[in-house]
Amino acid sequence: MTELQLYTKIIELPEDIKKKVSDFIDFLLSREKKKKKAKRPVFGCAAGQIRMSDDFDAPLGDFNDYMP
């Protein structure tokens, strides 16, 4: 739907309905602004906060009964 088609339809509406349409458009615009505020984390922002032990890949002692 083009802007001209929307404009033509809005012109034909009674004044009280035009007010409701205007309020609805404001609502949609405010909702879109809220969506844009959500920021994605910056790559590498958690660098140095996670540490893995040197023996991470070593078998756990709890599973010795199940290992050959």
PDB file of N, CA and C in Angstrom:
ATOM      1  N   MET A   1       0.853  -1.171   0.000  1.00  0.00           N
ATOM      2  CA  MET A   1       0.000   0.000   0.000  1.00  0.00           C
ATOM      3  C   MET A   1       0.901   1.238   0.000  1.00  0.00           C
ATOM      4  N   THR A   2       0.604   2.150  -0.873  1.00  0.00           N
ATOM      5  CA  THR A   2       1.421   3.353  -0.997  1.00  0.00           C
ATOM      6  C   THR A   2       0.947   4.421  -0.015  1.00  0.00           C
ATOM      7  N   GLU A   3       1.769   5.419   0.158  1.00  0.00           N
ATOM      8  CA  GLU A   3       1.408   6.526   1.048  1.00  0.00           C
ATOM      9  C   GLU A   3       0.206   7.294   0.513  1.00  0.00           C
ATOM     10  N   LEU A   4       0.111   7.391  -0.786  1.00  0.00           N
ATOM     11  CA  LEU A   4      -1.026   8.083  -1.393  1.00  0.00           C
ATOM     12  C   LEU A   4      -2.331   7.342  -1.108  1.00  0.00           C
ATOM     13  N   GLN A   5      -2.297   6.030  -1.185  1.00  0.00           N
ATOM     14  CA  GLN A   5      -3.488   5.241  -0.876  1.00  0.00           C
ATOM     15  C   GLN A   5      -3.893   5.412   0.587  1.00  0.00           C
ATOM     16  N   LEU A   6      -2.908   5.406   1.475  1.00  0.00           N
ATOM     17  CA  LEU A   6      -3.200   5.623   2.895  1.00  0.00           C
ATOM     18  C   LEU A   6      -3.795   7.006   3.122  1.00  0.00           C
ATOM     19  N   TYR A   7      -3.192   7.994   2.528  1.00  0.00           N
ATOM     20  CA  TYR A   7      -3.665   9.372   2.678  1.00  0.00           C
ATOM     21  C   TYR A   7      -5.098   9.511   2.177  1.00  0.00           C
ATOM     22  N   THR A   8      -5.399   8.897   1.050  1.00  0.00           N
ATOM     23  CA  THR A   8      -6.744   8.962   0.480  1.00  0.00           C
ATOM     24  C   THR A   8      -7.766   8.335   1.426  1.00  0.00           C
ATOM     25  N   LYS A   9      -7.416   7.228   2.024  1.00  0.00           N
ATOM     26  CA  LYS A   9      -8.328   6.573   2.964  1.00  0.00           C
ATOM     27  C   LYS A   9      -8.516   7.405   4.230  1.00  0.00           C
ATOM     28  N   ILE A  10      -7.446   8.001   4.715  1.00  0.00           N
ATOM     29  CA  ILE A  10      -7.528   8.801   5.943  1.00  0.00           C
ATOM     30  C   ILE A  10      -8.390  10.033   5.725  1.00  0.00           C
ATOM     31  N   ILE A  11      -8.288  10.649   4.577  1.00  0.00           N
ATOM     32  CA  ILE A  11      -9.077  11.849   4.276  1.00  0.00           C
ATOM     33  C   ILE A  11     -10.577  11.555   4.356  1.00  0.00           C
ATOM     34  N   GLU A  12     -10.971  10.372   3.961  1.00  0.00           N
ATOM     35  CA  GLU A  12     -12.385  10.014   3.929  1.00  0.00           C
ATOM     36  C   GLU A  12     -12.967   9.714   5.312  1.00  0.00           C
ATOM     37  N   LEU A  13     -12.123   9.566   6.314  1.00  0.00           N
ATOM     38  CA  LEU A  13     -12.596   9.222   7.658  1.00  0.00           C
ATOM     39  C   LEU A  13     -13.205  10.424   8.363  1.00  0.00           C
ATOM     40  N   PRO A  14     -14.156  10.180   9.279  1.00  0.00           N
ATOM     41  CA  PRO A  14     -14.671  11.267  10.118  1.00  0.00           C
ATOM     42  C   PRO A  14     -13.589  11.736  11.097  1.00  0.00           C
ATOM     43  N   GLU A  15     -13.750  12.930  11.620  1.00  0.00           N
ATOM     44  CA  GLU A  15     -12.725  13.547  12.473  1.00  0.00           C
ATOM     45  C   GLU A  15     -12.413  12.715  13.718  1.00  0.00           C
ATOM     46  N   ASP A  16     -13.419  12.142  14.366  1.00  0.00           N
ATOM     47  CA  ASP A  16     -13.154  11.369  15.580  1.00  0.00           C
ATOM     48  C   ASP A  16     -12.333  10.112  15.276  1.00  0.00           C
ATOM     49  N   ILE A  17     -12.556   9.512  14.130  1.00  0.00           N
ATOM     50  CA  ILE A  17     -11.766   8.342  13.737  1.00  0.00           C
ATOM     51  C   ILE A  17     -10.350   8.763  13.346  1.00  0.00           C
ATOM     52  N   LYS A  18     -10.195   9.926  12.746  1.00  0.00           N
ATOM     53  CA  LYS A  18      -8.858  10.432  12.405  1.00  0.00           C
ATOM     54  C   LYS A  18      -8.016  10.590  13.664  1.00  0.00           C
ATOM     55  N   LYS A  19      -8.644  11.027  14.741  1.00  0.00           N
ATOM     56  CA  LYS A  19      -7.923  11.180  16.018  1.00  0.00           C
ATOM     57  C   LYS A  19      -7.443   9.812  16.507  1.00  0.00           C
ATOM     58  N   LYS A  20      -8.295   8.808  16.393  1.00  0.00           N
ATOM     59  CA  LYS A  20      -7.906   7.456  16.809  1.00  0.00           C
ATOM     60  C   LYS A  20      -6.775   6.917  15.934  1.00  0.00           C
ATOM     61  N   VAL A  21      -6.844   7.187  14.652  1.00  0.00           N
ATOM     62  CA  VAL A  21      -5.780   6.756  13.737  1.00  0.00           C
ATOM     63  C   VAL A  21      -4.468   7.435  14.113  1.00  0.00           C
ATOM     64  N   SER A  22      -4.533   8.709  14.421  1.00  0.00           N
ATOM     65  CA  SER A  22      -3.336   9.449  14.822  1.00  0.00           C
ATOM     66  C   SER A  22      -2.740   8.874  16.108  1.00  0.00           C
ATOM     67  N   ASP A  23      -3.595   8.568  17.075  1.00  0.00           N
ATOM     68  CA  ASP A  23      -3.120   7.971  18.326  1.00  0.00           C
ATOM     69  C   ASP A  23      -2.478   6.606  18.074  1.00  0.00           C
ATOM     70  N   PHE A  24      -3.087   5.831  17.198  1.00  0.00           N
ATOM     71  CA  PHE A  24      -2.546   4.511  16.887  1.00  0.00           C
ATOM     72  C   PHE A  24      -1.186   4.621  16.198  1.00  0.00           C
ATOM     73  N   ILE A  25      -1.050   5.568  15.306  1.00  0.00           N
ATOM     74  CA  ILE A  25       0.239   5.784  14.635  1.00  0.00           C
ATOM     75  C   ILE A  25       1.302   6.187  15.653  1.00  0.00           C
ATOM     76  N   ASP A  26       0.945   7.058  16.595  1.00  0.00           N
ATOM     77  CA  ASP A  26       1.885   7.440  17.656  1.00  0.00           C
ATOM     78  C   ASP A  26       2.300   6.230  18.480  1.00  0.00           C
ATOM     79  N   PHE A  27       1.336   5.363  18.781  1.00  0.00           N
ATOM     80  CA  PHE A  27       1.632   4.140  19.532  1.00  0.00           C
ATOM     81  C   PHE A  27       2.623   3.262  18.770  1.00  0.00           C
ATOM     82  N   LEU A  28       2.385   3.070  17.482  1.00  0.00           N
ATOM     83  CA  LEU A  28       3.284   2.244  16.675  1.00  0.00           C
ATOM     84  C   LEU A  28       4.688   2.834  16.606  1.00  0.00           C
ATOM     85  N   LEU A  29       4.771   4.141  16.473  1.00  0.00           N
ATOM     86  CA  LEU A  29       6.085   4.795  16.418  1.00  0.00           C
ATOM     87  C   LEU A  29       6.834   4.642  17.733  1.00  0.00           C
ATOM     88  N   SER A  30       6.134   4.779  18.857  1.00  0.00           N
ATOM     89  CA  SER A  30       6.802   4.637  20.152  1.00  0.00           C
ATOM     90  C   SER A  30       7.264   3.198  20.365  1.00  0.00           C
ATOM     91  N   ARG A  31       6.490   2.230  19.884  1.00  0.00           N
ATOM     92  CA  ARG A  31       6.880   0.827  20.010  1.00  0.00           C
ATOM     93  C   ARG A  31       8.117   0.535  19.174  1.00  0.00           C
ATOM     94  N   GLU A  32       8.220   1.125  18.009  1.00  0.00           N
ATOM     95  CA  GLU A  32       9.397   0.929  17.165  1.00  0.00           C
ATOM     96  C   GLU A  32      10.641   1.540  17.797  1.00  0.00           C
ATOM     97  N   LYS A  33      10.482   2.677  18.467  1.00  0.00           N
ATOM     98  CA  LYS A  33      11.626   3.302  19.133  1.00  0.00           C
ATOM     99  C   LYS A  33      12.151   2.409  20.239  1.00  0.00           C
ATOM    100  N   LYS A  34      11.251   1.736  20.961  1.00  0.00           N
ATOM    101  CA  LYS A  34      11.673   0.839  22.035  1.00  0.00           C
ATOM    102  C   LYS A  34      12.443  -0.345  21.475  1.00  0.00           C
ATOM    103  N   LYS A  35      12.034  -0.851  20.317  1.00  0.00           N
ATOM    104  CA  LYS A  35      12.734  -1.972  19.701  1.00  0.00           C
ATOM    105  C   LYS A  35      14.146  -1.580  19.298  1.00  0.00           C
ATOM    106  N   LYS A  36      14.325  -0.371  18.822  1.00  0.00           N
ATOM    107  CA  LYS A  36      15.635   0.073  18.357  1.00  0.00           C
ATOM    108  C   LYS A  36      16.602   0.291  19.511  1.00  0.00           C
ATOM    109  N   LYS A  37      16.104   0.501  20.731  1.00  0.00           N
ATOM    110  CA  LYS A  37      16.973   0.767  21.869  1.00  0.00           C
ATOM    111  C   LYS A  37      17.724  -0.474  22.336  1.00  0.00           C
ATOM    112  N   ALA A  38      17.211  -1.652  22.029  1.00  0.00           N
ATOM    113  CA  ALA A  38      17.876  -2.881  22.445  1.00  0.00           C
ATOM    114  C   ALA A  38      19.208  -3.003  21.715  1.00  0.00           C
ATOM    115  N   LYS A  39      20.293  -2.986  22.471  1.00  0.00           N
ATOM    116  CA  LYS A  39      21.624  -3.047  21.879  1.00  0.00           C
ATOM    117  C   LYS A  39      22.187  -4.449  22.017  1.00  0.00           C
ATOM    118  N   ARG A  40      22.934  -4.837  21.024  1.00  0.00           N
ATOM    119  CA  ARG A  40      23.618  -6.117  21.075  1.00  0.00           C
ATOM    120  C   ARG A  40      24.943  -5.928  21.805  1.00  0.00           C
ATOM    121  N   PRO A  41      25.390  -6.942  22.526  1.00  0.00           N
ATOM    122  CA  PRO A  41      26.668  -6.825  23.214  1.00  0.00           C
ATOM    123  C   PRO A  41      27.819  -6.683  22.221  1.00  0.00           C
ATOM    124  N   VAL A  42      28.825  -5.972  22.628  1.00  0.00           N
ATOM    125  CA  VAL A  42      30.005  -5.751  21.797  1.00  0.00           C
ATOM    126  C   VAL A  42      30.878  -7.003  21.843  1.00  0.00           C
ATOM    127  N   PHE A  43      31.387  -7.410  20.693  1.00  0.00           N
ATOM    128  CA  PHE A  43      32.244  -8.587  20.632  1.00  0.00           C
ATOM    129  C   PHE A  43      33.450  -8.399  21.548  1.00  0.00           C
ATOM    130  N   GLY A  44      33.688  -9.366  22.409  1.00  0.00           N
ATOM    131  CA  GLY A  44      34.835  -9.333  23.300  1.00  0.00           C
ATOM    132  C   GLY A  44      34.590  -8.618  24.612  1.00  0.00           C
ATOM    133  N   CYS A  45      33.357  -8.230  24.905  1.00  0.00           N
ATOM    134  CA  CYS A  45      33.098  -7.470  26.131  1.00  0.00           C
ATOM    135  C   CYS A  45      33.252  -8.334  27.384  1.00  0.00           C
ATOM    136  N   ALA A  46      33.220  -9.660  27.257  1.00  0.00           N
ATOM    137  CA  ALA A  46      33.375 -10.541  28.412  1.00  0.00           C
ATOM    138  C   ALA A  46      34.781 -11.138  28.484  1.00  0.00           C
ATOM    139  N   ALA A  47      35.707 -10.580  27.723  1.00  0.00           N
ATOM    140  CA  ALA A  47      37.068 -11.113  27.708  1.00  0.00           C
ATOM    141  C   ALA A  47      37.681 -11.029  29.101  1.00  0.00           C
ATOM    142  N   GLY A  48      38.282 -12.134  29.539  1.00  0.00           N
ATOM    143  CA  GLY A  48      38.933 -12.175  30.839  1.00  0.00           C
ATOM    144  C   GLY A  48      37.994 -12.506  31.986  1.00  0.00           C
ATOM    145  N   GLN A  49      36.723 -12.659  31.743  1.00  0.00           N
ATOM    146  CA  GLN A  49      35.774 -12.946  32.816  1.00  0.00           C
ATOM    147  C   GLN A  49      35.505 -14.443  32.965  1.00  0.00           C
ATOM    148  N   ILE A  50      35.884 -15.225  31.976  1.00  0.00           N
ATOM    149  CA  ILE A  50      35.659 -16.668  32.019  1.00  0.00           C
ATOM    150  C   ILE A  50      37.011 -17.362  31.970  1.00  0.00           C
ATOM    151  N   ARG A  51      37.191 -18.330  32.873  1.00  0.00           N
ATOM    152  CA  ARG A  51      38.464 -19.042  32.937  1.00  0.00           C
ATOM    153  C   ARG A  51      38.186 -20.539  32.940  1.00  0.00           C
ATOM    154  N   MET A  52      38.955 -21.278  32.143  1.00  0.00           N
ATOM    155  CA  MET A  52      38.831 -22.737  32.109  1.00  0.00           C
ATOM    156  C   MET A  52      40.087 -23.331  32.720  1.00  0.00           C
ATOM    157  N   SER A  53      39.898 -24.377  33.496  1.00  0.00           N
ATOM    158  CA  SER A  53      41.052 -25.011  34.127  1.00  0.00           C
ATOM    159  C   SER A  53      41.879 -25.752  33.078  1.00  0.00           C
ATOM    160  N   ASP A  54      43.152 -25.975  33.402  1.00  0.00           N
ATOM    161  CA  ASP A  54      44.059 -26.633  32.461  1.00  0.00           C
ATOM    162  C   ASP A  54      43.650 -28.081  32.196  1.00  0.00           C
ATOM    163  N   ASP A  55      43.041 -28.735  33.179  1.00  0.00           N
ATOM    164  CA  ASP A  55      42.646 -30.136  33.008  1.00  0.00           C
ATOM    165  C   ASP A  55      41.158 -30.273  32.639  1.00  0.00           C
ATOM    166  N   PHE A  56      40.650 -29.344  31.899  1.00  0.00           N
ATOM    167  CA  PHE A  56      39.232 -29.342  31.536  1.00  0.00           C
ATOM    168  C   PHE A  56      38.831 -30.607  30.780  1.00  0.00           C
ATOM    169  N   ASP A  57      39.690 -31.075  29.884  1.00  0.00           N
ATOM    170  CA  ASP A  57      39.372 -32.253  29.076  1.00  0.00           C
ATOM    171  C   ASP A  57      39.740 -33.567  29.753  1.00  0.00           C
ATOM    172  N   ALA A  58      40.342 -33.522  30.915  1.00  0.00           N
ATOM    173  CA  ALA A  58      40.732 -34.746  31.617  1.00  0.00           C
ATOM    174  C   ALA A  58      39.482 -35.471  32.119  1.00  0.00           C
ATOM    175  N   PRO A  59      39.515 -36.804  32.144  1.00  0.00           N
ATOM    176  CA  PRO A  59      38.352 -37.548  32.626  1.00  0.00           C
ATOM    177  C   PRO A  59      38.092 -37.269  34.109  1.00  0.00           C
ATOM    178  N   LEU A  60      36.832 -37.277  34.465  1.00  0.00           N
ATOM    179  CA  LEU A  60      36.453 -37.034  35.853  1.00  0.00           C
ATOM    180  C   LEU A  60      36.586 -38.322  36.658  1.00  0.00           C
ATOM    181  N   GLY A  61      37.018 -38.202  37.895  1.00  0.00           N
ATOM    182  CA  GLY A  61      37.183 -39.362  38.761  1.00  0.00           C
ATOM    183  C   GLY A  61      35.867 -40.046  39.083  1.00  0.00           C
ATOM    184  N   ASP A  62      34.787 -39.334  39.042  1.00  0.00           N
ATOM    185  CA  ASP A  62      33.476 -39.906  39.360  1.00  0.00           C
ATOM    186  C   ASP A  62      33.048 -40.972  38.354  1.00  0.00           C
ATOM    187  N   PHE A  63      33.620 -40.966  37.169  1.00  0.00           N
ATOM    188  CA  PHE A  63      33.220 -41.901  36.125  1.00  0.00           C
ATOM    189  C   PHE A  63      34.205 -43.054  35.944  1.00  0.00           C
ATOM    190  N   ASN A  64      35.113 -43.249  36.889  1.00  0.00           N
ATOM    191  CA  ASN A  64      36.106 -44.325  36.772  1.00  0.00           C
ATOM    192  C   ASN A  64      35.446 -45.695  36.682  1.00  0.00           C
ATOM    193  N   ASP A  65      34.327 -45.910  37.361  1.00  0.00           N
ATOM    194  CA  ASP A  65      33.643 -47.208  37.333  1.00  0.00           C
ATOM    195  C   ASP A  65      33.113 -47.533  35.939  1.00  0.00           C
ATOM    196  N   TYR A  66      32.860 -46.556  35.142  1.00  0.00           N
ATOM    197  CA  TYR A  66      32.265 -46.761  33.820  1.00  0.00           C
ATOM    198  C   TYR A  66      33.291 -46.763  32.690  1.00  0.00           C
ATOM    199  N   MET A  67      34.539 -46.466  33.011  1.00  0.00           N
ATOM    200  CA  MET A  67      35.579 -46.382  31.983  1.00  0.00           C
ATOM    201  C   MET A  67      36.347 -47.696  31.917  1.00  0.00           C
ATOM    202  N   PRO A  68      36.811 -48.104  30.725  1.00  0.00           N
ATOM    203  CA  PRO A  68      37.568 -49.378  30.606  1.00  0.00           C
ATOM    204  C   PRO A  68      38.928 -49.295  31.249  1.00  0.00           C
TER     205      PRO A  68
END
